Amino acid sequence: AVITVVGKDTVGILAKVSGICAENKINITEVTQSVLEDMFCMIML
């Protein structure tokens, strides 16, 4: 699956999204993220 996350940057976004994946036995194989000014952008495979 491809997972995209976009929004205002705050602490813990990556941790929470990956936690939801882990709770459901979904393994994150690749991740890229960047913060553009205060905008958080992430794509996970």
All heavy atoms as atom14 arrays in JSON, in Angstrom:
{
  "sequence": "AVITVVGKDTVGILAKVSGICAENKINITEVTQSVLEDMFCMIML",
  "atom14_mask": [
    [1, 1, 1, 1, 1, 0, 0, 0, 0, 0, 0, 0, 0, 0],
    [1, 1, 1, 1, 1, 1, 1, 0, 0, 0, 0, 0, 0, 0],
    [1, 1, 1, 1, 1, 1, 1, 1, 0, 0, 0, 0, 0, 0],
    [1, 1, 1, 1, 1, 1, 1, 0, 0, 0, 0, 0, 0, 0],
    [1, 1, 1, 1, 1, 1, 1, 0, 0, 0, 0, 0, 0, 0],
    [1, 1, 1, 1, 1, 1, 1, 0, 0, 0, 0, 0, 0, 0],
    [1, 1, 1, 1, 0, 0, 0, 0, 0, 0, 0, 0, 0, 0],
    [1, 1, 1, 1, 1, 1, 1, 1, 1, 0, 0, 0, 0, 0],
    [1, 1, 1, 1, 1, 1, 1, 1, 0, 0, 0, 0, 0, 0],
    [1, 1, 1, 1, 1, 1, 1, 0, 0, 0, 0, 0, 0, 0],
    [1, 1, 1, 1, 1, 1, 1, 0, 0, 0, 0, 0, 0, 0],
    [1, 1, 1, 1, 0, 0, 0, 0, 0, 0, 0, 0, 0, 0],
    [1, 1, 1, 1, 1, 1, 1, 1, 0, 0, 0, 0, 0, 0],
    [1, 1, 1, 1, 1, 1, 1, 1, 0, 0, 0, 0, 0, 0],
    [1, 1, 1, 1, 1, 0, 0, 0, 0, 0, 0, 0, 0, 0],
    [1, 1, 1, 1, 1, 1, 1, 1, 1, 0, 0, 0, 0, 0],
    [1, 1, 1, 1, 1, 1, 1, 0, 0, 0, 0, 0, 0, 0],
    [1, 1, 1, 1, 1, 1, 0, 0, 0, 0, 0, 0, 0, 0],
    [1, 1, 1, 1, 0, 0, 0, 0, 0, 0, 0, 0, 0, 0],
    [1, 1, 1, 1, 1, 1, 1, 1, 0, 0, 0, 0, 0, 0],
    [1, 1, 1, 1, 1, 1, 0, 0, 0, 0, 0, 0, 0, 0],
    [1, 1, 1, 1, 1, 0, 0, 0, 0, 0, 0, 0, 0, 0],
    [1, 1, 1, 1, 1, 1, 1, 1, 1, 0, 0, 0, 0, 0],
    [1, 1, 1, 1, 1, 1, 1, 1, 0, 0, 0, 0, 0, 0],
    [1, 1, 1, 1, 1, 1, 1, 1, 1, 0, 0, 0, 0, 0],
    [1, 1, 1, 1, 1, 1, 1, 1, 0, 0, 0, 0, 0, 0],
    [1, 1, 1, 1, 1, 1, 1, 1, 0, 0, 0, 0, 0, 0],
    [1, 1, 1, 1, 1, 1, 1, 1, 0, 0, 0, 0, 0, 0],
    [1, 1, 1, 1, 1, 1, 1, 0, 0, 0, 0, 0, 0, 0],
    [1, 1, 1, 1, 1, 1, 1, 1, 1, 0, 0, 0, 0, 0],
    [1, 1, 1, 1, 1, 1, 1, 0, 0, 0, 0, 0, 0, 0],
    [1, 1, 1, 1, 1, 1, 1, 0, 0, 0, 0, 0, 0, 0],
    [1, 1, 1, 1, 1, 1, 1, 1, 1, 0, 0, 0, 0, 0],
    [1, 1, 1, 1, 1, 1, 0, 0, 0, 0, 0, 0, 0, 0],
    [1, 1, 1, 1, 1, 1, 1, 0, 0, 0, 0, 0, 0, 0],
    [1, 1, 1, 1, 1, 1, 1, 1, 0, 0, 0, 0, 0, 0],
    [1, 1, 1, 1, 1, 1, 1, 1, 1, 0, 0, 0, 0, 0],
    [1, 1, 1, 1, 1, 1, 1, 1, 0, 0, 0, 0, 0, 0],
    [1, 1, 1, 1, 1, 1, 1, 1, 0, 0, 0, 0, 0, 0],
    [1, 1, 1, 1, 1, 1, 1, 1, 1, 1, 1, 0, 0, 0],
    [1, 1, 1, 1, 1, 1, 0, 0, 0, 0, 0, 0, 0, 0],
    [1, 1, 1, 1, 1, 1, 1, 1, 0, 0, 0, 0, 0, 0],
    [1, 1, 1, 1, 1, 1, 1, 1, 0, 0, 0, 0, 0, 0],
    [1, 1, 1, 1, 1, 1, 1, 1, 0, 0, 0, 0, 0, 0],
    [1, 1, 1, 1, 1, 1, 1, 1, 0, 0, 0, 0, 0, 0]
  ],
  "atom14_positions": [
    [[0.85, -1.19, 0.0], [0.0, 0.0, 0.0], [0.88, 1.23, 0.0], [2.01, 1.21, 0.49], [-0.9, 0.01, 1.22], [0.0, 0.0, 0.0], [0.0, 0.0, 0.0], [0.0, 0.0, 0.0], [0.0, 0.0, 0.0], [0.0, 0.0, 0.0], [0.0, 0.0, 0.0], [0.0, 0.0, 0.0], [0.0, 0.0, 0.0], [0.0, 0.0, 0.0]],
    [[0.35, 2.31, -0.55], [0.99, 3.61, -0.52], [0.2, 4.47, 0.46], [-1.02, 4.57, 0.37], [0.98, 4.27, -1.92], [1.58, 5.66, -1.87], [1.72, 3.39, -2.92], [0.0, 0.0, 0.0], [0.0, 0.0, 0.0], [0.0, 0.0, 0.0], [0.0, 0.0, 0.0], [0.0, 0.0, 0.0], [0.0, 0.0, 0.0], [0.0, 0.0, 0.0]],
    [[0.91, 5.06, 1.43], [0.28, 5.9, 2.45], [0.87, 7.3, 2.31], [2.09, 7.45, 2.29], [0.55, 5.35, 3.86], [0.04, 3.92, 4.0], [-0.08, 6.27, 4.92], [0.55, 3.19, 5.23], [0.0, 0.0, 0.0], [0.0, 0.0, 0.0], [0.0, 0.0, 0.0], [0.0, 0.0, 0.0], [0.0, 0.0, 0.0], [0.0, 0.0, 0.0]],
    [[0.0, 8.3, 2.22], [0.47, 9.68, 2.15], [-0.07, 10.46, 3.34], [-1.2, 10.24, 3.77], [0.04, 10.38, 0.85], [-1.39, 10.4, 0.78], [0.6, 9.67, -0.37], [0.0, 0.0, 0.0], [0.0, 0.0, 0.0], [0.0, 0.0, 0.0], [0.0, 0.0, 0.0], [0.0, 0.0, 0.0], [0.0, 0.0, 0.0], [0.0, 0.0, 0.0]],
    [[0.75, 11.36, 3.86], [0.37, 12.19, 5.0], [0.82, 13.62, 4.69], [1.98, 13.84, 4.37], [1.05, 11.72, 6.31], [0.61, 12.58, 7.48], [0.77, 10.25, 6.57], [0.0, 0.0, 0.0], [0.0, 0.0, 0.0], [0.0, 0.0, 0.0], [0.0, 0.0, 0.0], [0.0, 0.0, 0.0], [0.0, 0.0, 0.0], [0.0, 0.0, 0.0]],
    [[-0.12, 14.56, 4.8], [0.2, 15.96, 4.59], [-0.52, 16.78, 5.65], [-1.7, 16.53, 5.94], [-0.25, 16.44, 3.18], [0.02, 17.93, 3.0], [0.41, 15.63, 2.09], [0.0, 0.0, 0.0], [0.0, 0.0, 0.0], [0.0, 0.0, 0.0], [0.0, 0.0, 0.0], [0.0, 0.0, 0.0], [0.0, 0.0, 0.0], [0.0, 0.0, 0.0]],
    [[0.18, 17.74, 6.23], [-0.45, 18.63, 7.21], [0.58, 19.45, 7.95], [1.78, 19.36, 7.69], [0.0, 0.0, 0.0], [0.0, 0.0, 0.0], [0.0, 0.0, 0.0], [0.0, 0.0, 0.0], [0.0, 0.0, 0.0], [0.0, 0.0, 0.0], [0.0, 0.0, 0.0], [0.0, 0.0, 0.0], [0.0, 0.0, 0.0], [0.0, 0.0, 0.0]],
    [[0.1, 20.26, 8.86], [0.98, 21.1, 9.66], [1.89, 20.21, 10.5], [1.45, 19.25, 11.12], [0.15, 22.02, 10.56], [1.0, 23.01, 11.34], [0.16, 24.14, 11.87], [0.94, 25.08, 12.73], [2.13, 25.62, 12.14], [0.0, 0.0, 0.0], [0.0, 0.0, 0.0], [0.0, 0.0, 0.0], [0.0, 0.0, 0.0], [0.0, 0.0, 0.0]],
    [[3.17, 20.54, 10.51], [4.16, 19.74, 11.23], [3.93, 19.82, 12.73], [3.8, 20.91, 13.3], [5.57, 20.22, 10.89], [6.63, 19.32, 11.47], [6.39, 18.11, 11.57], [7.71, 19.83, 11.82], [0.0, 0.0, 0.0], [0.0, 0.0, 0.0], [0.0, 0.0, 0.0], [0.0, 0.0, 0.0], [0.0, 0.0, 0.0], [0.0, 0.0, 0.0]],
    [[3.85, 18.66, 13.37], [3.77, 18.56, 14.83], [4.6, 17.35, 15.26], [4.9, 16.47, 14.46], [2.32, 18.39, 15.33], [1.76, 17.22, 14.74], [1.46, 19.58, 14.99], [0.0, 0.0, 0.0], [0.0, 0.0, 0.0], [0.0, 0.0, 0.0], [0.0, 0.0, 0.0], [0.0, 0.0, 0.0], [0.0, 0.0, 0.0], [0.0, 0.0, 0.0]],
    [[4.91, 17.3, 16.52], [5.68, 16.19, 17.07], [4.85, 14.9, 17.03], [3.68, 14.89, 17.4], [6.1, 16.5, 18.52], [6.76, 15.29, 19.17], [7.0, 17.71, 18.56], [0.0, 0.0, 0.0], [0.0, 0.0, 0.0], [0.0, 0.0, 0.0], [0.0, 0.0, 0.0], [0.0, 0.0, 0.0], [0.0, 0.0, 0.0], [0.0, 0.0, 0.0]],
    [[5.45, 13.82, 16.55], [4.85, 12.5, 16.67], [4.04, 11.99, 15.5], [3.47, 10.91, 15.59], [0.0, 0.0, 0.0], [0.0, 0.0, 0.0], [0.0, 0.0, 0.0], [0.0, 0.0, 0.0], [0.0, 0.0, 0.0], [0.0, 0.0, 0.0], [0.0, 0.0, 0.0], [0.0, 0.0, 0.0], [0.0, 0.0, 0.0], [0.0, 0.0, 0.0]],
    [[3.99, 12.71, 14.39], [3.18, 12.23, 13.26], [3.7, 10.89, 12.76], [2.94, 9.93, 12.63], [3.14, 13.26, 12.11], [2.48, 14.56, 12.57], [2.39, 12.67, 10.91], [2.57, 15.7, 11.56], [0.0, 0.0, 0.0], [0.0, 0.0, 0.0], [0.0, 0.0, 0.0], [0.0, 0.0, 0.0], [0.0, 0.0, 0.0], [0.0, 0.0, 0.0]],
    [[4.99, 10.83, 12.47], [5.58, 9.58, 11.97], [5.37, 8.45, 12.97], [4.99, 7.33, 12.6], [7.06, 9.77, 11.67], [7.84, 8.51, 11.26], [7.26, 7.91, 10.0], [9.3, 8.84, 11.06], [0.0, 0.0, 0.0], [0.0, 0.0, 0.0], [0.0, 0.0, 0.0], [0.0, 0.0, 0.0], [0.0, 0.0, 0.0], [0.0, 0.0, 0.0]],
    [[5.58, 8.72, 14.24], [5.42, 7.7, 15.28], [3.98, 7.18, 15.34], [3.76, 5.97, 15.45], [5.83, 8.26, 16.64], [0.0, 0.0, 0.0], [0.0, 0.0, 0.0], [0.0, 0.0, 0.0], [0.0, 0.0, 0.0], [0.0, 0.0, 0.0], [0.0, 0.0, 0.0], [0.0, 0.0, 0.0], [0.0, 0.0, 0.0], [0.0, 0.0, 0.0]],
    [[3.01, 8.06, 15.28], [1.62, 7.63, 15.39], [1.18, 6.84, 14.16], [0.55, 5.79, 14.3], [0.7, 8.84, 15.61], [-0.74, 8.47, 15.79], [-0.97, 7.54, 16.97], [-2.44, 7.21, 17.13], [-2.7, 6.25, 18.2], [0.0, 0.0, 0.0], [0.0, 0.0, 0.0], [0.0, 0.0, 0.0], [0.0, 0.0, 0.0], [0.0, 0.0, 0.0]],
    [[1.52, 7.33, 12.97], [1.12, 6.61, 11.76], [1.79, 5.24, 11.7], [1.15, 4.23, 11.42], [1.43, 7.45, 10.49], [1.16, 6.64, 9.23], [0.58, 8.73, 10.48], [0.0, 0.0, 0.0], [0.0, 0.0, 0.0], [0.0, 0.0, 0.0], [0.0, 0.0, 0.0], [0.0, 0.0, 0.0], [0.0, 0.0, 0.0], [0.0, 0.0, 0.0]],
    [[3.08, 5.19, 12.01], [3.75, 3.89, 12.0], [3.22, 3.0, 13.12], [3.17, 1.77, 12.97], [5.27, 4.06, 12.1], [5.64, 4.72, 13.29], [0.0, 0.0, 0.0], [0.0, 0.0, 0.0], [0.0, 0.0, 0.0], [0.0, 0.0, 0.0], [0.0, 0.0, 0.0], [0.0, 0.0, 0.0], [0.0, 0.0, 0.0], [0.0, 0.0, 0.0]],
    [[2.78, 3.59, 14.23], [2.17, 2.81, 15.31], [0.87, 2.16, 14.88], [0.6, 1.0, 15.22], [0.0, 0.0, 0.0], [0.0, 0.0, 0.0], [0.0, 0.0, 0.0], [0.0, 0.0, 0.0], [0.0, 0.0, 0.0], [0.0, 0.0, 0.0], [0.0, 0.0, 0.0], [0.0, 0.0, 0.0], [0.0, 0.0, 0.0], [0.0, 0.0, 0.0]],
    [[0.05, 2.9, 14.14], [-1.2, 2.33, 13.62], [-0.88, 1.17, 12.68], [-1.55, 0.13, 12.71], [-2.05, 3.42, 12.91], [-2.55, 4.44, 13.93], [-3.23, 2.79, 12.16], [-3.18, 5.7, 13.33], [0.0, 0.0, 0.0], [0.0, 0.0, 0.0], [0.0, 0.0, 0.0], [0.0, 0.0, 0.0], [0.0, 0.0, 0.0], [0.0, 0.0, 0.0]],
    [[0.15, 1.33, 11.86], [0.58, 0.24, 10.98], [1.0, -0.98, 11.82], [0.55, -2.11, 11.56], [1.74, 0.68, 10.1], [1.3, 1.9, 8.84], [0.0, 0.0, 0.0], [0.0, 0.0, 0.0], [0.0, 0.0, 0.0], [0.0, 0.0, 0.0], [0.0, 0.0, 0.0], [0.0, 0.0, 0.0], [0.0, 0.0, 0.0], [0.0, 0.0, 0.0]],
    [[1.83, -0.77, 12.81], [2.34, -1.87, 13.64], [1.21, -2.6, 14.36], [1.23, -3.83, 14.45], [3.35, -1.34, 14.65], [0.0, 0.0, 0.0], [0.0, 0.0, 0.0], [0.0, 0.0, 0.0], [0.0, 0.0, 0.0], [0.0, 0.0, 0.0], [0.0, 0.0, 0.0], [0.0, 0.0, 0.0], [0.0, 0.0, 0.0], [0.0, 0.0, 0.0]],
    [[0.23, -1.85, 14.87], [-0.92, -2.47, 15.56], [-1.66, -3.45, 14.65], [-2.29, -4.38, 15.14], [-1.91, -1.39, 16.01], [-1.42, -0.53, 17.14], [-2.31, 0.68, 17.37], [-3.4, 0.79, 16.74], [-1.92, 1.54, 18.19], [0.0, 0.0, 0.0], [0.0, 0.0, 0.0], [0.0, 0.0, 0.0], [0.0, 0.0, 0.0], [0.0, 0.0, 0.0]],
    [[-1.59, -3.22, 13.35], [-2.3, -4.05, 12.38], [-1.39, -4.99, 11.6], [-1.79, -5.53, 10.57], [-3.08, -3.14, 11.42], [-4.18, -2.4, 12.13], [-5.17, -2.99, 12.56], [-4.02, -1.09, 12.29], [0.0, 0.0, 0.0], [0.0, 0.0, 0.0], [0.0, 0.0, 0.0], [0.0, 0.0, 0.0], [0.0, 0.0, 0.0], [0.0, 0.0, 0.0]],
    [[-0.15, -5.17, 12.09], [0.84, -6.06, 11.47], [1.16, -5.64, 10.03], [1.36, -6.48, 9.15], [0.38, -7.52, 11.51], [0.06, -8.04, 12.89], [1.31, -8.18, 13.72], [1.0, -8.85, 15.03], [1.36, -8.09, 16.19], [0.0, 0.0, 0.0], [0.0, 0.0, 0.0], [0.0, 0.0, 0.0], [0.0, 0.0, 0.0], [0.0, 0.0, 0.0]],
    [[1.21, -4.34, 9.82], [1.56, -3.78, 8.52], [2.98, -3.23, 8.65], [3.26, -2.4, 9.51], [0.56, -2.69, 8.11], [-0.81, -3.35, 7.85], [1.05, -1.91, 6.9], [-1.94, -2.4, 7.62], [0.0, 0.0, 0.0], [0.0, 0.0, 0.0], [0.0, 0.0, 0.0], [0.0, 0.0, 0.0], [0.0, 0.0, 0.0], [0.0, 0.0, 0.0]],
    [[3.87, -3.73, 7.78], [5.28, -3.39, 7.85], [5.6, -2.25, 6.9], [5.33, -2.33, 5.7], [6.13, -4.61, 7.5], [7.59, -4.36, 7.69], [8.01, -3.68, 8.64], [8.4, -4.89, 6.8], [0.0, 0.0, 0.0], [0.0, 0.0, 0.0], [0.0, 0.0, 0.0], [0.0, 0.0, 0.0], [0.0, 0.0, 0.0], [0.0, 0.0, 0.0]],
    [[6.21, -1.2, 7.4], [6.64, -0.08, 6.57], [7.97, -0.46, 5.95], [8.95, -0.72, 6.67], [6.76, 1.21, 7.4], [5.41, 1.57, 7.99], [7.31, 2.34, 6.53], [5.47, 2.58, 9.09], [0.0, 0.0, 0.0], [0.0, 0.0, 0.0], [0.0, 0.0, 0.0], [0.0, 0.0, 0.0], [0.0, 0.0, 0.0], [0.0, 0.0, 0.0]],
    [[8.02, -0.51, 4.63], [9.24, -0.93, 3.94], [10.06, 0.25, 3.44], [11.27, 0.13, 3.31], [8.91, -1.88, 2.77], [8.0, -1.22, 1.88], [8.29, -3.17, 3.29], [0.0, 0.0, 0.0], [0.0, 0.0, 0.0], [0.0, 0.0, 0.0], [0.0, 0.0, 0.0], [0.0, 0.0, 0.0], [0.0, 0.0, 0.0], [0.0, 0.0, 0.0]],
    [[9.4, 1.36, 3.13], [10.11, 2.57, 2.71], [9.34, 3.77, 3.19], [8.11, 3.75, 3.28], [10.23, 2.64, 1.18], [11.14, 1.58, 0.6], [11.39, 1.8, -0.87], [11.74, 2.93, -1.26], [11.23, 0.83, -1.63], [0.0, 0.0, 0.0], [0.0, 0.0, 0.0], [0.0, 0.0, 0.0], [0.0, 0.0, 0.0], [0.0, 0.0, 0.0]],
    [[10.08, 4.83, 3.51], [9.43, 6.08, 3.93], [10.3, 7.25, 3.49], [11.52, 7.18, 3.54], [9.17, 6.1, 5.46], [10.46, 6.02, 6.24], [8.37, 7.3, 5.87], [0.0, 0.0, 0.0], [0.0, 0.0, 0.0], [0.0, 0.0, 0.0], [0.0, 0.0, 0.0], [0.0, 0.0, 0.0], [0.0, 0.0, 0.0], [0.0, 0.0, 0.0]],
    [[9.63, 8.27, 3.04], [10.31, 9.53, 2.75], [9.44, 10.64, 3.35], [8.21, 10.55, 3.3], [10.53, 9.75, 1.24], [11.24, 10.98, 1.06], [9.25, 9.79, 0.47], [0.0, 0.0, 0.0], [0.0, 0.0, 0.0], [0.0, 0.0, 0.0], [0.0, 0.0, 0.0], [0.0, 0.0, 0.0], [0.0, 0.0, 0.0], [0.0, 0.0, 0.0]],
    [[10.11, 11.6, 3.93], [9.36, 12.71, 4.53], [10.17, 13.98, 4.41], [11.39, 13.94, 4.29], [9.03, 12.44, 5.99], [10.23, 12.42, 6.91], [9.84, 12.23, 8.35], [8.89, 11.55, 8.66], [10.59, 12.84, 9.24], [0.0, 0.0, 0.0], [0.0, 0.0, 0.0], [0.0, 0.0, 0.0], [0.0, 0.0, 0.0], [0.0, 0.0, 0.0]],
    [[9.46, 15.07, 4.41], [10.13, 16.36, 4.43], [9.2, 17.37, 5.08], [7.99, 17.16, 5.18], [10.52, 16.82, 3.02], [9.37, 16.95, 2.22], [0.0, 0.0, 0.0], [0.0, 0.0, 0.0], [0.0, 0.0, 0.0], [0.0, 0.0, 0.0], [0.0, 0.0, 0.0], [0.0, 0.0, 0.0], [0.0, 0.0, 0.0], [0.0, 0.0, 0.0]],
    [[9.81, 18.43, 5.56], [9.05, 19.53, 6.14], [9.34, 20.74, 5.28], [10.49, 21.15, 5.14], [9.43, 19.77, 7.62], [8.65, 20.94, 8.18], [9.19, 18.51, 8.44], [0.0, 0.0, 0.0], [0.0, 0.0, 0.0], [0.0, 0.0, 0.0], [0.0, 0.0, 0.0], [0.0, 0.0, 0.0], [0.0, 0.0, 0.0], [0.0, 0.0, 0.0]],
    [[8.3, 21.28, 4.67], [8.41, 22.45, 3.82], [7.83, 23.62, 4.6], [6.61, 23.69, 4.77], [7.64, 22.24, 2.51], [7.97, 20.94, 1.76], [6.98, 20.7, 0.64], [9.39, 21.0, 1.23], [0.0, 0.0, 0.0], [0.0, 0.0, 0.0], [0.0, 0.0, 0.0], [0.0, 0.0, 0.0], [0.0, 0.0, 0.0], [0.0, 0.0, 0.0]],
    [[8.71, 24.47, 5.1], [8.36, 25.51, 6.07], [7.7, 24.82, 7.26], [8.37, 24.12, 7.98], [7.5, 26.59, 5.42], [8.28, 27.38, 4.4], [7.56, 28.62, 3.9], [6.62, 29.09, 4.56], [7.96, 29.1, 2.84], [0.0, 0.0, 0.0], [0.0, 0.0, 0.0], [0.0, 0.0, 0.0], [0.0, 0.0, 0.0], [0.0, 0.0, 0.0]],
    [[6.4, 24.93, 7.46], [5.76, 24.23, 8.58], [4.83, 23.12, 8.11], [4.02, 22.61, 8.86], [5.02, 25.21, 9.48], [3.84, 25.88, 8.78], [3.79, 25.83, 7.54], [2.99, 26.45, 9.48], [0.0, 0.0, 0.0], [0.0, 0.0, 0.0], [0.0, 0.0, 0.0], [0.0, 0.0, 0.0], [0.0, 0.0, 0.0], [0.0, 0.0, 0.0]],
    [[4.96, 22.71, 6.83], [4.1, 21.68, 6.25], [4.83, 20.34, 6.23], [5.89, 20.22, 5.63], [3.68, 22.08, 4.84], [2.66, 21.17, 4.2], [1.05, 21.13, 5.02], [0.52, 22.81, 4.81], [0.0, 0.0, 0.0], [0.0, 0.0, 0.0], [0.0, 0.0, 0.0], [0.0, 0.0, 0.0], [0.0, 0.0, 0.0], [0.0, 0.0, 0.0]],
    [[4.25, 19.34, 6.88], [4.81, 17.99, 6.94], [4.27, 17.19, 5.76], [3.06, 17.17, 5.52], [4.4, 17.33, 8.26], [4.88, 15.92, 8.41], [6.13, 15.66, 8.93], [4.07, 14.84, 8.06], [6.58, 14.36, 9.1], [4.51, 13.54, 8.22], [5.77, 13.3, 8.74], [0.0, 0.0, 0.0], [0.0, 0.0, 0.0], [0.0, 0.0, 0.0]],
    [[5.16, 16.52, 5.03], [4.77, 15.7, 3.89], [5.49, 14.35, 4.0], [6.71, 14.31, 4.18], [5.18, 16.36, 2.58], [4.53, 18.02, 2.36], [0.0, 0.0, 0.0], [0.0, 0.0, 0.0], [0.0, 0.0, 0.0], [0.0, 0.0, 0.0], [0.0, 0.0, 0.0], [0.0, 0.0, 0.0], [0.0, 0.0, 0.0], [0.0, 0.0, 0.0]],
    [[4.73, 13.27, 3.88], [5.34, 11.95, 4.02], [4.66, 10.97, 3.06], [3.45, 11.02, 2.85], [5.18, 11.43, 5.45], [5.75, 10.05, 5.68], [5.82, 9.55, 7.43], [4.09, 9.52, 7.88], [0.0, 0.0, 0.0], [0.0, 0.0, 0.0], [0.0, 0.0, 0.0], [0.0, 0.0, 0.0], [0.0, 0.0, 0.0], [0.0, 0.0, 0.0]],
    [[5.48, 10.09, 2.49], [4.98, 8.98, 1.68], [5.6, 7.71, 2.24], [6.81, 7.64, 2.46], [5.36, 9.13, 0.19], [4.8, 10.42, -0.37], [4.86, 7.93, -0.61], [5.31, 10.74, -1.76], [0.0, 0.0, 0.0], [0.0, 0.0, 0.0], [0.0, 0.0, 0.0], [0.0, 0.0, 0.0], [0.0, 0.0, 0.0], [0.0, 0.0, 0.0]],
    [[4.76, 6.71, 2.47], [5.23, 5.42, 2.97], [4.81, 4.32, 1.99], [3.73, 4.39, 1.4], [4.58, 5.09, 4.31], [4.88, 6.04, 5.42], [3.92, 5.6, 6.88], [5.19, 5.69, 8.1], [0.0, 0.0, 0.0], [0.0, 0.0, 0.0], [0.0, 0.0, 0.0], [0.0, 0.0, 0.0], [0.0, 0.0, 0.0], [0.0, 0.0, 0.0]],
    [[5.66, 3.33, 1.85], [5.31, 2.11, 1.14], [5.24, 1.03, 2.22], [6.19, 0.9, 3.01], [6.37, 1.78, 0.09], [6.04, 0.68, -0.88], [4.76, 0.99, -1.64], [7.19, 0.49, -1.86], [0.0, 0.0, 0.0], [0.0, 0.0, 0.0], [0.0, 0.0, 0.0], [0.0, 0.0, 0.0], [0.0, 0.0, 0.0], [0.0, 0.0, 0.0]]
  ]
}
